[in-house]
Every structure is written in C-alpha cells, then in structure tokens.
Amino acid sequence: MKPNFALPFPKPGVTTTESVVEATLGILKDRASEVYVGESDGGAASFTAEYSLRGHGIPEICRRTGATMVNLSEGQRERIGETINGRPVEVTLPSHLLEMDESVSIPVLKVHSVTQVSLSIKNMWGCHPDGMRLFDHKHLAERLALISKLVHLRFVVVDAIYGLNRRGPMHGDPVRVGAILVGDNPVATDAAATRMMGFRADEVRHIVMASKAGLGPYQESDIELLDDLAPYQRTFYLKSTLVDVLGAWTFRSDYLTKLVFDSPISKLIYMISGRKFRKKIVKLGDEL
C-alpha cells in the first residue's frame, strides 16, 4: 500500500490522512496474508522515508493493524525497461516491491503544477527509491504506466477529505471535499476523480497513456460508478508560477534537469526563484 507522504508531516490536501491509511490497512489485514505499507525518500532528497513514515505515525498504525512498514529507499533495486505505447522507457524499483501480488494506491485529490492532477497513478512515482528521481522525469507518463504495470496496481483509495487547489503537489489551497473514492481500477478511478475536480480526463497525459497501455478505461461511458459524485463536485484550477513553468520544462529535458538541480548554478537558480536549496537529506532528529 502506497500513501502519498509528499511532506514528512501531516498537511490537509497534501498528505494522505492517517485515519484513511489505518482504515484501509484494517480492511486489508483480513483479506491478505501479508500487508505492507511503504514510502520512499522525499523528492529532491529533501527528507528520508524513515523520517516521513514516522512523522505520519506509520509504526504505531502498523502495530495496531498488523501491517509491515517498508522503507522503499532501502535494500536492493532493479532497473527495468519496456516499451510503453511505442516508446522505450526504463524505471527503477525496489526489488521486493516487484514481488507483491497487488498494490493499493492511496493518493490525495490534488492538482499538480506539471501533470495537472496527482492521483493514484502519479502517486506511484514515489515507488522510485531514489530521492533524486527527478532525473527520470523525462517521458514521465510512460514511466508511470510502466510502474503501475510492474507493481500490479489494482485498487485505489482517493483521500478526498481535503483536496489541494491552485498549486500542487505540496503548495496550494486546501479545499474541504468530504469524500473518499474507492475503485478497483487505477485509470478509471483517476479519470472519475479528475472529472470530479472539473478537469477533462482526456487532457491528462499520464491517464491517457496508462489507458493505452491496457491498464484501464478513462472514457466516462466505459466506467461504472456505484454512487453519484455530483454532491462532491468542486471546481479546481491551476495557477502556475514562474518556478512551476521552469519545473515543467525540466520534465521534458534531461539537460535542463541537470542544469537546475545538479550544476554549479543550482544554488543561484534557487535563490532567484525564492526557494531554499537543500542538499542534505533531513533525517530523524533533524529540524525541518
């Protein structure tokens, strides 16, 4: 089970609510012989997985539910390549994650400054064990489809108690939605959640790519809803900043990614953009 701990502490609309994690694990423990919940190091090497998992109370939740906590950034990893929709791509994944029978993604209902929405499929990018996984951002849509396929992503629990509006995935405005969406297909569930946010699923590239890779339908007519989502409909929007625009370009170019995040002028770029450049990973006992 993969929650979304984009920060090493709870924040409405940004991180998966601890009660949702515990309730899901409580259901899974009676339906599987072994249940694992894991996360990897924070993006841009900002904090360790251990720090984040403890910050969200996962050790205590695991003791109450019988699940096993897993640090996805520790242990052996494998580089796997495959052609997705005609494009050869590679991804890095923890070896033990490839042994799981099925995976459950528990994302937050939120916008993303580059991918428009961040739901179950995008959440699986956090399975990449390297804190500097941003150097693999090129062809992200195809990579996300490959990850979802390799880890056997089957079930989705979208934490929509609060959503994140305006700017995501870590900054923005929390929006009270008061819903939890549960689905047995990641593409279909993400498409339904995308429409609930007021966006078009056919304009979200990684959802369309995952569907073309055979992971599920995104067309509204092909998805069976067991409840009316209209009461939870909200109008979300994206308002990108200059930093977001620059960040989006790094998703398309390995050279720009290297220039922004790992070059002699990286600190200068961060200073101009008003963001703090942090080279050291935050560990247990350190202050954020």
Foldseek 3Di string as FASTA:
>chain_A
DEWQQLDLADDFQAGFQLVVVLVVLQVVLVVDVAAEYEFAAHALLAAGRVSSCVNRVVVVSCVVRVYHYDHFLDDDKDWDWDAFPNRIAIAIAHPVLLVDPEDEYEYEFEQALAQGTCFRLNSLLRRRHDNHCLLRLAVVLRVSLVSCVSNHYFKYKYHVCWHFAAYDNHDGDIHGQHDIDIDGADLCRVLVSCVLQVHHSVVRRSSVSNVSRVRDDNDPVRHDDPDDSVSRRDHGDYDDDPVSVLSNVSSHDSVSSCVCSPDPCVCVNCVVVVHDNDNHHHYPPDDD
